[in-house]
Amino acid sequence: MMLRQPDHEIVVVGAGFSGIGASIKLQEAGFDDHVLLEEGDGVGGTWHWNTYPGIGVDIPSYSYQFSFEQRGDWSRVYAHGHELKAYAEHCADRYDVRRRVRFGTRVAAARFDEDAELWILTTTTGEELAARFVIGATGVLTQPKRPDVPGLDAFAGTTMHTARWDHDVDLRGARVGIIGTGASAVQVIPSIAEEVEHLTVFQRTPIWCLPRPDGPVPAPVRAALSRVPGAKALARLAAQAFVEATFPIPAHFDGIVKVGRGAEALGRAWLRSQVHDPATRAALTPAYGVGCKRPSFSNTYLATFNRDDVTLETSPIERVTPSGVRCAGGRHDLDVLLLATGFQVMEATNMPPFRLTGRGDVELAAWWGEHRMQAYQGVSVPGFPNYFAVLGPYAYNGASYFTLIENQVRHIVRCLRRARDTAATTVEVTAEANERYFREMLGRRDRQIFFQPSCAGANSYYFDEHGDVPFRSALTLESAWRSARFDLADYRFSAPAGAAAP
């Protein structure tokens, strides 16, 4: 029987920064036969889908970029969303990625054909593509999560998730409610407060908000960063150090260095300086430690609650009605209801956001349901050969997403090069290597902030259904070192008889 041949050696699912970075490094390593499948009609992922008012990067721009394609002309220390979208377009064009992207193509399922040693991907239109290898580059901040609130579909006004903003909706003079006070809400709330008639913020859990060292970058500084040798690298290094100090270190070493205590003192002082009313200030004060959830940085969010036309509602939502929202503390009539309720993040069905079936017809989500979410260095899972994730469980340490991309793609390309050099048609992490890495991550919990008593009331989306926090408990330097030096013997490389190499 003639075995099916691959349509492409490699399929990359997603054309956000993960997919763009993967494509660039695949080309650099000589893997030209690859295609990117992208649901949207443009590149950029998070920065393509998210266009809400006030959107911007939540870490300094100089760290939020590829190390091999650094910009020195960011307009602000924390760039606005349109600049990140433009940067994605620039990278896709400069590195000839765009011609490899199939836009408007959403993957519904991927199944491993054990006879042909191929992945068969099925799109939502029913098309099938066969690939020797698949790289999941779908990120996490793309699939909106609606709140579990009774009556949500009954609202007679306009309902809109911040991740799918409709710019045809005019908020001027409208009574607007927003559910959520996470990272998106922190940016949206001060951006729309001045134009709406009244804004009601429905808060379940307050967020730690710290001052942001932001502002326009003066033209002479931009010019110097662009032209002076080494200036961009120094700016990136400083930004990386700031990011490392504000999340990875306090989050993963709280049991050792207690950095969060100083950050909490800063957060309380910032609250006192920004919010006039003591009762409102108390309602905005988190009852958990800094780092249990990712803190936000904003110079305008907290002060917005001083406005007479902004209401902070902290009593539980009972239900959404046709005319607005009914809470335990009263009723709020609304014209527009905004859902700033985040994304499907630490959910098995979001890594990746399509059905993935490996050896023995085992689905990845079901495997994780039985064995807990885990992946060798966040990349590979035993039983799912030839599939690599840019962002799997225990991959991300909380630093710049670009360091994650570069580290994970380095890991993946090392595997693909070994497969090419040995004419292997299957690459599969061993169960022993996966178990060793998983136990290592679990063994570092005692030093992480997530499992300290101070995080008991955080209600953090970092926790998965098993009570685990599948973050990589490591500094960025360790992650980078291991991606370049992990033992390739942790994988099995084989070419079964009868399987045709790509």
Protein backbone atom coordinates (compact mmCIF):
# COMPACT_ATOMS: atom_id res chain seq x y z
CA MET A 1 0.00 0.00 0.00
CA MET A 2 1.31 3.41 -0.95
CA LEU A 3 1.78 5.53 2.16
CA ARG A 4 0.65 9.14 2.10
CA GLN A 5 3.37 11.68 1.40
CA PRO A 6 3.63 15.00 3.23
CA ASP A 7 2.29 18.16 1.63
CA HIS A 8 4.90 20.04 3.62
CA GLU A 9 7.80 18.93 5.77
CA ILE A 10 6.73 21.32 8.54
CA VAL A 11 3.44 23.06 9.32
CA VAL A 12 3.55 25.94 11.77
CA VAL A 13 0.16 26.71 13.29
CA GLY A 14 -0.14 30.43 13.93
CA ALA A 15 1.41 33.57 12.44
CA GLY A 16 1.81 35.66 15.57
CA PHE A 17 5.27 36.39 16.89
CA SER A 18 5.76 32.71 17.80
CA GLY A 19 5.04 31.60 14.25
CA ILE A 20 7.07 34.43 12.73
CA GLY A 21 10.04 33.61 14.95
CA ALA A 22 9.76 29.90 14.17
CA SER A 23 9.63 30.56 10.43
CA ILE A 24 12.66 32.84 10.54
CA LYS A 25 14.77 30.28 12.39
CA LEU A 26 13.54 27.40 10.21
CA GLN A 27 14.64 29.29 7.11
CA GLU A 28 17.96 30.09 8.74
CA ALA A 29 18.50 26.38 9.44
CA GLY A 30 17.62 25.41 5.86
CA PHE A 31 14.09 24.08 6.44
CA ASP A 32 12.45 25.78 3.49
CA ASP A 33 9.50 23.43 3.06
CA HIS A 34 7.25 24.89 5.72
CA VAL A 35 3.94 26.75 5.78
CA LEU A 36 2.17 28.83 8.42
CA LEU A 37 -1.56 28.35 8.93
CA GLU A 38 -3.20 31.47 10.36
CA GLU A 39 -6.84 31.93 11.33
CA GLY A 40 -6.79 35.70 10.93
CA ASP A 41 -6.28 37.89 7.88
CA GLY A 42 -2.98 39.35 9.07
CA VAL A 43 0.15 38.54 11.03
CA GLY A 44 0.75 39.54 14.63
CA GLY A 45 -1.41 37.18 16.68
CA THR A 46 -2.29 39.00 19.90
CA TRP A 47 -1.50 42.33 18.25
CA HIS A 48 -3.69 41.52 15.27
CA TRP A 49 -6.74 40.47 17.28
CA ASN A 50 -6.53 42.91 20.18
CA THR A 51 -7.20 46.52 19.17
CA TYR A 52 -9.10 47.88 22.17
CA PRO A 53 -8.56 51.50 23.32
CA GLY A 54 -5.36 51.95 25.28
CA ILE A 55 -3.81 48.64 24.24
CA GLY A 56 -0.08 48.50 24.67
CA VAL A 57 2.74 46.26 25.78
CA ASP A 58 2.95 45.70 29.54
CA ILE A 59 6.74 45.47 29.68
CA PRO A 60 9.32 47.89 28.24
CA SER A 61 9.35 47.79 24.43
CA TYR A 62 13.11 47.28 24.31
CA SER A 63 12.71 43.81 25.82
CA TYR A 64 9.60 43.00 23.78
CA GLN A 65 11.36 42.29 20.48
CA PHE A 66 13.55 39.69 18.84
CA SER A 67 17.21 39.82 19.82
CA PHE A 68 18.13 39.56 16.12
CA GLU A 69 15.76 42.35 15.00
CA GLN A 70 16.00 45.15 17.53
CA ARG A 71 14.40 48.56 17.12
CA GLY A 72 15.79 51.69 18.64
CA ASP A 73 13.01 53.99 17.46
CA TRP A 74 10.11 52.94 19.70
CA SER A 75 7.97 56.04 20.26
CA ARG A 76 7.41 55.19 23.93
CA VAL A 77 9.11 53.11 26.60
CA TYR A 78 5.91 51.01 26.59
CA ALA A 79 4.78 50.92 22.96
CA HIS A 80 1.16 51.13 21.92
CA GLY A 81 -0.47 48.19 20.20
CA HIS A 82 -0.30 49.60 16.68
CA GLU A 83 3.51 49.76 16.94
CA LEU A 84 3.69 46.09 17.92
CA LYS A 85 1.42 45.21 15.01
CA ALA A 86 3.68 47.22 12.68
CA TYR A 87 6.73 45.45 14.11
CA ALA A 88 5.13 42.07 13.32
CA GLU A 89 4.44 43.22 9.76
CA HIS A 90 8.02 44.46 9.45
CA CYS A 91 9.49 41.13 10.62
CA ALA A 92 7.20 39.13 8.33
CA ASP A 93 8.27 41.21 5.34
CA ARG A 94 11.98 41.55 6.10
CA TYR A 95 12.45 37.82 6.68
CA ASP A 96 10.22 36.70 3.81
CA VAL A 97 7.70 35.01 6.12
CA ARG A 98 4.52 36.45 4.62
CA ARG A 99 4.68 34.37 1.43
CA ARG A 100 4.55 31.21 3.56
CA VAL A 101 1.39 32.20 5.44
CA ARG A 102 -2.04 30.85 4.53
CA PHE A 103 -4.43 33.38 6.03
CA GLY A 104 -8.03 32.61 6.95
CA THR A 105 -7.09 29.02 7.77
CA ARG A 106 -8.09 27.72 11.20
CA VAL A 107 -6.91 24.26 12.26
CA ALA A 108 -9.73 22.22 13.81
CA ALA A 109 -7.81 19.01 14.52
CA ALA A 110 -4.51 17.23 14.00
CA ARG A 111 -4.12 13.45 14.05
CA PHE A 112 -0.89 11.45 13.95
CA ASP A 113 -0.95 8.75 11.26
CA GLU A 114 1.24 6.03 12.76
CA ASP A 115 1.64 4.13 9.49
CA ALA A 116 2.81 7.08 7.42
CA GLU A 117 4.49 8.82 10.40
CA LEU A 118 2.73 12.04 9.44
CA TRP A 119 0.43 14.56 11.06
CA ILE A 120 -2.88 15.00 9.24
CA LEU A 121 -4.26 18.45 9.93
CA THR A 122 -7.90 19.25 9.25
CA THR A 123 -9.09 22.83 8.87
CA THR A 124 -12.52 24.18 9.76
CA THR A 125 -13.42 24.07 6.06
CA GLY A 126 -12.68 20.33 5.91
CA GLU A 127 -9.37 20.59 4.02
CA GLU A 128 -6.62 18.13 4.98
CA LEU A 129 -2.88 18.74 4.95
CA ALA A 130 -0.17 16.22 5.76
CA ALA A 131 3.06 17.24 7.45
CA ARG A 132 6.03 15.37 8.82
CA PHE A 133 6.39 17.83 11.70
CA VAL A 134 4.01 20.30 13.34
CA ILE A 135 4.97 23.32 15.42
CA GLY A 136 2.22 24.75 17.60
CA ALA A 137 2.68 28.53 17.67
CA THR A 138 -0.79 29.60 18.74
CA GLY A 139 0.17 31.55 21.85
CA VAL A 140 -2.31 32.09 24.68
CA LEU A 141 -3.74 35.60 24.36
CA THR A 142 -5.88 34.95 21.30
CA GLN A 143 -8.91 32.87 22.35
CA PRO A 144 -11.28 35.11 24.38
CA LYS A 145 -12.83 33.73 27.55
CA ARG A 146 -16.39 34.79 28.32
CA PRO A 147 -17.40 35.08 31.97
CA ASP A 148 -19.66 32.47 33.50
CA VAL A 149 -22.43 34.93 34.35
CA PRO A 150 -26.15 34.01 34.23
CA GLY A 151 -28.16 35.84 31.57
CA LEU A 152 -25.19 37.16 29.61
CA ASP A 153 -26.87 36.50 26.27
CA ALA A 154 -30.05 38.24 27.41
CA PHE A 155 -28.52 41.73 27.44
CA ALA A 156 -30.39 43.92 24.93
CA GLY A 157 -27.55 46.40 24.48
CA THR A 158 -24.15 45.88 22.87
CA THR A 159 -21.89 43.20 24.34
CA MET A 160 -18.25 43.19 23.32
CA HIS A 161 -15.15 41.30 24.48
CA THR A 162 -12.07 43.49 24.65
CA ALA A 163 -10.20 40.96 22.48
CA ARG A 164 -12.71 41.44 19.64
CA TRP A 165 -13.24 45.18 19.81
CA ASP A 166 -15.80 46.61 17.38
CA HIS A 167 -14.65 50.10 16.47
CA ASP A 168 -18.03 50.87 14.92
CA VAL A 169 -19.52 50.95 18.42
CA ASP A 170 -19.67 54.57 19.62
CA LEU A 171 -19.14 54.82 23.38
CA ARG A 172 -19.60 58.58 23.55
CA GLY A 173 -22.39 59.42 25.94
CA ALA A 174 -23.14 55.76 26.67
CA ARG A 175 -23.65 54.03 29.99
CA VAL A 176 -20.89 51.43 29.91
CA GLY A 177 -20.16 48.52 32.20
CA ILE A 178 -16.94 46.51 32.14
CA ILE A 179 -16.53 43.11 33.78
CA GLY A 180 -12.99 42.41 34.92
CA THR A 181 -10.01 44.30 36.32
CA GLY A 182 -7.13 42.39 34.76
CA ALA A 183 -4.43 43.60 32.40
CA SER A 184 -6.80 44.52 29.54
CA ALA A 185 -9.20 46.38 31.82
CA VAL A 186 -6.35 48.36 33.36
CA GLN A 187 -5.64 49.75 29.89
CA VAL A 188 -9.24 50.14 28.67
CA ILE A 189 -10.78 51.80 31.74
CA PRO A 190 -8.75 55.05 31.77
CA SER A 191 -8.89 55.20 27.97
CA ILE A 192 -12.70 55.35 27.74
CA ALA A 193 -13.65 57.02 31.05
CA GLU A 194 -13.64 60.54 29.62
CA GLU A 195 -15.91 59.81 26.65
CA VAL A 196 -18.66 57.68 28.21
CA GLU A 197 -21.58 59.09 30.18
CA HIS A 198 -20.93 56.73 33.06
CA LEU A 199 -18.59 53.79 33.56
CA THR A 200 -19.30 50.98 35.99
CA VAL A 201 -16.40 48.64 36.75
CA PHE A 202 -17.41 45.21 38.05
CA GLN A 203 -14.49 43.91 40.10
CA ARG A 204 -14.19 40.41 41.49
CA THR A 205 -10.53 40.45 42.52
CA PRO A 206 -8.43 43.64 42.60
CA ILE A 207 -5.11 43.74 40.79
CA TRP A 208 -1.80 45.03 42.06
CA CYS A 209 -1.06 48.14 40.03
CA LEU A 210 2.39 49.71 40.19
CA PRO A 211 3.70 52.94 38.64
CA ARG A 212 4.96 52.54 35.12
CA PRO A 213 8.26 54.14 34.05
CA ASP A 214 6.69 55.17 30.76
CA GLY A 215 6.73 58.19 28.50
CA PRO A 216 7.59 59.33 25.00
CA VAL A 217 11.14 58.58 23.94
CA PRO A 218 12.73 61.90 22.85
CA ALA A 219 13.85 62.07 19.22
CA PRO A 220 17.57 62.47 20.10
CA VAL A 221 17.39 59.34 22.26
CA ARG A 222 15.68 57.38 19.46
CA ALA A 223 18.33 58.56 17.04
CA ALA A 224 21.14 57.56 19.38
CA LEU A 225 19.63 54.15 20.03
CA SER A 226 19.30 53.57 16.28
CA ARG A 227 22.73 54.77 15.26
CA VAL A 228 25.21 54.33 18.12
CA PRO A 229 26.83 50.88 18.01
CA GLY A 230 25.72 48.72 20.91
CA ALA A 231 23.08 51.19 22.15
CA LYS A 232 20.11 49.00 21.24
CA ALA A 233 21.70 46.00 22.92
CA LEU A 234 22.29 47.99 26.11
CA ALA A 235 18.70 49.26 26.12
CA ARG A 236 17.42 45.73 25.65
CA LEU A 237 19.67 44.41 28.43
CA ALA A 238 18.41 47.09 30.85
CA ALA A 239 14.79 46.36 29.92
CA GLN A 240 15.35 42.61 30.29
CA ALA A 241 16.85 43.13 33.75
CA PHE A 242 13.84 45.24 34.79
CA VAL A 243 11.40 42.58 33.58
CA GLU A 244 13.36 39.81 35.29
CA ALA A 245 13.32 41.74 38.56
CA THR A 246 9.58 42.46 38.40
CA PHE A 247 8.29 38.96 37.70
CA PRO A 248 10.55 35.90 37.29
CA ILE A 249 12.66 36.62 40.37
CA PRO A 250 9.83 37.45 42.81
CA ALA A 251 7.53 34.77 41.35
CA HIS A 252 9.97 31.87 41.29
CA PHE A 253 12.26 32.78 44.19
CA ASP A 254 9.80 34.22 46.71
CA GLY A 255 10.68 31.47 49.14
CA ILE A 256 14.29 32.66 49.05
CA VAL A 257 14.56 36.41 48.37
CA LYS A 258 11.13 37.82 49.38
CA VAL A 259 11.24 40.51 46.66
CA GLY A 260 7.45 40.71 46.70
CA ARG A 261 7.37 42.41 50.09
CA GLY A 262 9.08 45.52 48.75
CA ALA A 263 6.83 45.52 45.67
CA GLU A 264 3.76 45.27 47.91
CA ALA A 265 4.90 48.28 49.93
CA LEU A 266 5.38 50.21 46.68
CA GLY A 267 1.93 49.16 45.49
CA ARG A 268 0.26 50.34 48.69
CA ALA A 269 2.10 53.67 48.56
CA TRP A 270 1.05 54.14 44.92
CA LEU A 271 -2.56 53.41 45.86
CA ARG A 272 -2.47 56.01 48.62
CA SER A 273 -1.08 58.62 46.25
CA GLN A 274 -3.60 57.94 43.51
CA VAL A 275 -6.98 57.17 45.10
CA HIS A 276 -8.58 59.84 47.31
CA ASP A 277 -11.50 57.98 48.88
CA PRO A 278 -10.43 55.57 51.64
CA ALA A 279 -13.28 53.13 50.96
CA THR A 280 -12.49 52.98 47.25
CA ARG A 281 -8.81 52.61 48.02
CA ALA A 282 -9.56 49.70 50.34
CA ALA A 283 -11.68 48.03 47.66
CA LEU A 284 -8.82 48.35 45.17
CA THR A 285 -6.26 46.86 47.58
CA PRO A 286 -5.50 43.18 46.84
CA ALA A 287 -5.63 40.69 49.69
CA TYR A 288 -2.86 38.59 48.16
CA GLY A 289 0.85 39.13 47.59
CA VAL A 290 2.44 40.76 44.57
CA GLY A 291 3.31 38.09 42.01
CA CYS A 292 0.45 35.68 42.74
CA LYS A 293 -1.08 37.17 39.60
CA ARG A 294 0.89 39.17 37.07
CA PRO A 295 0.96 42.76 38.40
CA SER A 296 -0.03 45.60 36.14
CA PHE A 297 1.82 48.83 35.53
CA SER A 298 -0.21 51.98 34.87
CA ASN A 299 0.02 55.66 35.68
CA THR A 300 -3.67 56.35 34.99
CA TYR A 301 -5.76 53.33 36.05
CA LEU A 302 -6.09 53.94 39.80
CA ALA A 303 -6.71 57.69 39.49
CA THR A 304 -9.67 56.98 37.20
CA PHE A 305 -11.67 55.89 40.25
CA ASN A 306 -11.57 59.46 41.59
CA ARG A 307 -14.02 60.49 38.87
CA ASP A 308 -17.66 61.08 39.78
CA ASP A 309 -18.77 59.32 36.59
CA VAL A 310 -16.90 56.07 37.43
CA THR A 311 -18.39 53.52 39.83
CA LEU A 312 -16.47 50.60 41.31
CA GLU A 313 -18.87 47.72 42.00
CA THR A 314 -17.42 44.96 44.14
CA SER A 315 -20.54 43.04 45.16
CA PRO A 316 -21.03 39.77 43.26
CA ILE A 317 -22.89 39.81 39.94
CA GLU A 318 -26.16 37.92 40.29
CA ARG A 319 -27.13 38.03 36.63
CA VAL A 320 -27.15 40.08 33.46
CA THR A 321 -30.60 41.38 32.53
CA PRO A 322 -31.86 42.86 29.24
CA SER A 323 -31.27 46.35 30.66
CA GLY A 324 -27.98 45.84 32.47
CA VAL A 325 -26.36 44.03 35.38
CA ARG A 326 -27.92 43.11 38.71
CA CYS A 327 -25.55 42.72 41.65
CA ALA A 328 -26.04 41.94 45.28
CA GLY A 329 -25.48 45.64 45.89
CA GLY A 330 -27.98 46.95 43.36
CA ARG A 331 -28.90 47.27 39.68
CA HIS A 332 -26.88 49.01 36.96
CA ASP A 333 -28.62 50.05 33.75
CA LEU A 334 -26.27 49.92 30.78
CA ASP A 335 -26.10 50.57 27.05
CA VAL A 336 -22.83 48.69 26.46
CA LEU A 337 -21.32 45.76 28.35
CA LEU A 338 -17.59 45.15 27.91
CA LEU A 339 -16.05 41.81 28.80
CA ALA A 340 -12.46 42.26 29.97
CA THR A 341 -12.35 38.68 31.17
CA GLY A 342 -9.15 37.55 29.56
CA PHE A 343 -8.32 34.47 27.59
CA GLN A 344 -8.26 30.71 27.75
CA VAL A 345 -4.77 30.41 29.19
CA MET A 346 -3.92 27.49 31.48
CA GLU A 347 -6.50 25.21 29.95
CA ALA A 348 -5.66 21.90 28.27
CA THR A 349 -7.92 22.79 25.35
CA ASN A 350 -5.90 25.95 24.67
CA MET A 351 -2.48 24.28 24.31
CA PRO A 352 -3.18 24.04 21.40
CA PRO A 353 -6.71 25.37 20.72
CA PHE A 354 -7.56 22.40 18.49
CA ARG A 355 -7.93 18.66 19.01
CA LEU A 356 -4.54 16.93 18.91
CA THR A 357 -4.52 13.13 18.70
CA GLY A 358 -1.28 11.19 19.01
CA ARG A 359 -0.31 7.53 19.14
CA GLY A 360 -3.05 5.07 20.00
CA ASP A 361 -5.76 7.67 19.28
CA VAL A 362 -4.96 9.42 22.56
CA GLU A 363 -6.02 13.08 22.68
CA LEU A 364 -3.56 15.46 24.30
CA ALA A 365 -6.21 17.19 26.42
CA ALA A 366 -7.36 13.80 27.74
CA TRP A 367 -3.77 12.72 28.41
CA TRP A 368 -3.20 15.89 30.41
CA GLY A 369 -6.49 15.33 32.21
CA GLU A 370 -5.22 11.94 33.37
CA HIS A 371 -1.54 12.75 33.94
CA ARG A 372 -1.64 16.52 34.69
CA MET A 373 -0.39 19.16 32.29
CA GLN A 374 3.27 18.62 31.49
CA ALA A 375 5.74 18.81 28.61
CA TYR A 376 9.48 18.31 28.40
CA GLN A 377 10.94 21.82 28.72
CA GLY A 378 7.53 23.05 27.57
CA VAL A 379 8.09 21.63 24.07
CA SER A 380 7.29 17.92 23.73
CA VAL A 381 4.99 15.28 25.21
CA PRO A 382 5.64 11.51 24.96
CA GLY A 383 3.14 9.78 22.72
CA PHE A 384 2.90 12.80 20.42
CA PRO A 385 5.88 12.41 18.09
CA ASN A 386 6.90 15.13 15.64
CA TYR A 387 4.80 17.72 17.46
CA PHE A 388 6.56 20.65 19.13
CA ALA A 389 5.00 23.52 21.06
CA VAL A 390 6.47 26.96 21.40
CA LEU A 391 4.36 27.43 24.51
CA GLY A 392 3.53 24.23 26.35
CA PRO A 393 3.22 23.56 30.08
CA TYR A 394 6.33 24.60 32.02
CA ALA A 395 7.74 26.63 29.13
CA TYR A 396 7.09 30.25 30.12
CA ASN A 397 8.82 31.78 33.12
CA GLY A 398 7.04 35.15 33.01
CA ALA A 399 9.77 37.18 31.31
CA SER A 400 9.50 38.75 27.85
CA TYR A 401 7.54 36.51 25.51
CA PHE A 402 10.29 36.99 22.94
CA THR A 403 12.85 35.24 25.13
CA LEU A 404 10.42 32.34 25.34
CA ILE A 405 10.04 32.22 21.56
CA GLU A 406 13.75 32.27 20.90
CA ASN A 407 14.54 29.69 23.56
CA GLN A 408 11.81 27.27 22.51
CA VAL A 409 12.51 27.59 18.79
CA ARG A 410 16.21 26.96 19.47
CA HIS A 411 15.17 23.72 21.19
CA ILE A 412 12.89 22.71 18.31
CA VAL A 413 15.42 23.47 15.59
CA ARG A 414 18.05 21.38 17.39
CA CYS A 415 15.66 18.41 17.24
CA LEU A 416 14.83 18.98 13.59
CA ARG A 417 18.48 19.27 12.64
CA ARG A 418 19.27 15.97 14.35
CA ALA A 419 16.34 14.36 12.53
CA ARG A 420 17.63 15.67 9.21
CA ASP A 421 21.19 14.57 9.93
CA THR A 422 20.07 11.04 10.86
CA ALA A 423 17.30 10.76 8.22
CA ALA A 424 14.83 10.20 11.07
CA THR A 425 11.15 10.40 10.27
CA THR A 426 9.99 10.44 13.88
CA VAL A 427 11.21 12.49 16.81
CA GLU A 428 9.70 11.71 20.19
CA VAL A 429 10.69 12.72 23.69
CA THR A 430 11.21 9.78 26.00
CA ALA A 431 8.83 9.21 28.88
CA GLU A 432 11.82 9.15 31.25
CA ALA A 433 13.08 12.59 30.15
CA ASN A 434 9.61 14.07 30.38
CA GLU A 435 9.06 12.62 33.86
CA ARG A 436 12.44 13.88 35.02
CA TYR A 437 11.70 17.43 33.90
CA PHE A 438 8.18 17.38 35.36
CA ARG A 439 9.44 16.23 38.74
CA GLU A 440 12.16 18.87 38.64
CA MET A 441 9.56 21.60 38.10
CA LEU A 442 7.34 20.25 40.88
CA GLY A 443 10.36 20.08 43.17
CA ARG A 444 10.88 23.84 42.86
CA ARG A 445 7.43 24.74 44.14
CA ASP A 446 8.52 25.51 47.67
CA ARG A 447 10.34 28.59 46.46
CA GLN A 448 7.57 29.88 44.17
CA ILE A 449 5.18 32.55 45.35
CA PHE A 450 2.12 30.81 43.88
CA PHE A 451 2.18 28.15 46.60
CA GLN A 452 2.79 30.50 49.52
CA PRO A 453 -0.07 31.33 51.95
CA SER A 454 -0.11 34.93 50.62
CA CYS A 455 -1.61 33.70 47.33
CA ALA A 456 -4.61 31.91 48.83
CA GLY A 457 -7.11 34.59 47.74
CA ALA A 458 -5.59 35.54 44.41
CA ASN A 459 -8.08 33.70 42.18
CA SER A 460 -5.30 33.46 39.61
CA TYR A 461 -5.72 32.04 36.13
CA TYR A 462 -2.19 30.70 36.48
CA PHE A 463 -3.63 27.63 38.22
CA ASP A 464 -4.87 24.80 36.01
CA GLU A 465 -7.63 22.32 36.83
CA HIS A 466 -5.18 20.16 38.82
CA GLY A 467 -4.08 22.99 41.09
CA ASP A 468 -0.72 23.23 39.33
CA VAL A 469 0.89 26.38 37.97
CA PRO A 470 2.61 25.18 34.77
CA PHE A 471 5.16 28.00 34.69
CA ARG A 472 8.82 27.23 34.16
CA SER A 473 10.42 27.84 37.54
CA ALA A 474 13.70 29.23 36.24
CA LEU A 475 15.44 32.44 35.39
CA THR A 476 15.66 33.38 31.72
CA LEU A 477 19.39 32.66 31.55
CA GLU A 478 18.84 29.09 32.73
CA SER A 479 16.07 28.59 30.16
CA ALA A 480 18.30 29.89 27.38
CA TRP A 481 21.25 27.75 28.44
CA ARG A 482 19.19 24.57 28.60
CA SER A 483 17.51 25.15 25.24
CA ALA A 484 20.93 25.19 23.63
CA ARG A 485 22.45 22.32 25.62
CA PHE A 486 19.78 19.79 26.59
CA ASP A 487 20.81 16.22 25.87
CA LEU A 488 19.42 15.15 22.49
CA ALA A 489 19.40 11.61 23.87
CA ASP A 490 16.26 12.70 25.70
CA TYR A 491 14.57 12.17 22.33
CA ARG A 492 14.23 9.06 20.18
CA PHE A 493 15.06 9.63 16.52
CA SER A 494 13.93 6.79 14.25
CA ALA A 495 13.14 5.96 10.65
CA PRO A 496 10.74 3.00 10.59
CA ALA A 497 10.96 0.66 7.63
CA GLY A 498 8.69 1.80 4.84
CA ALA A 499 8.39 5.38 6.01
CA ALA A 500 9.48 7.84 3.37
CA ALA A 501 11.64 10.74 4.46
CA PRO A 502 10.35 14.16 3.49
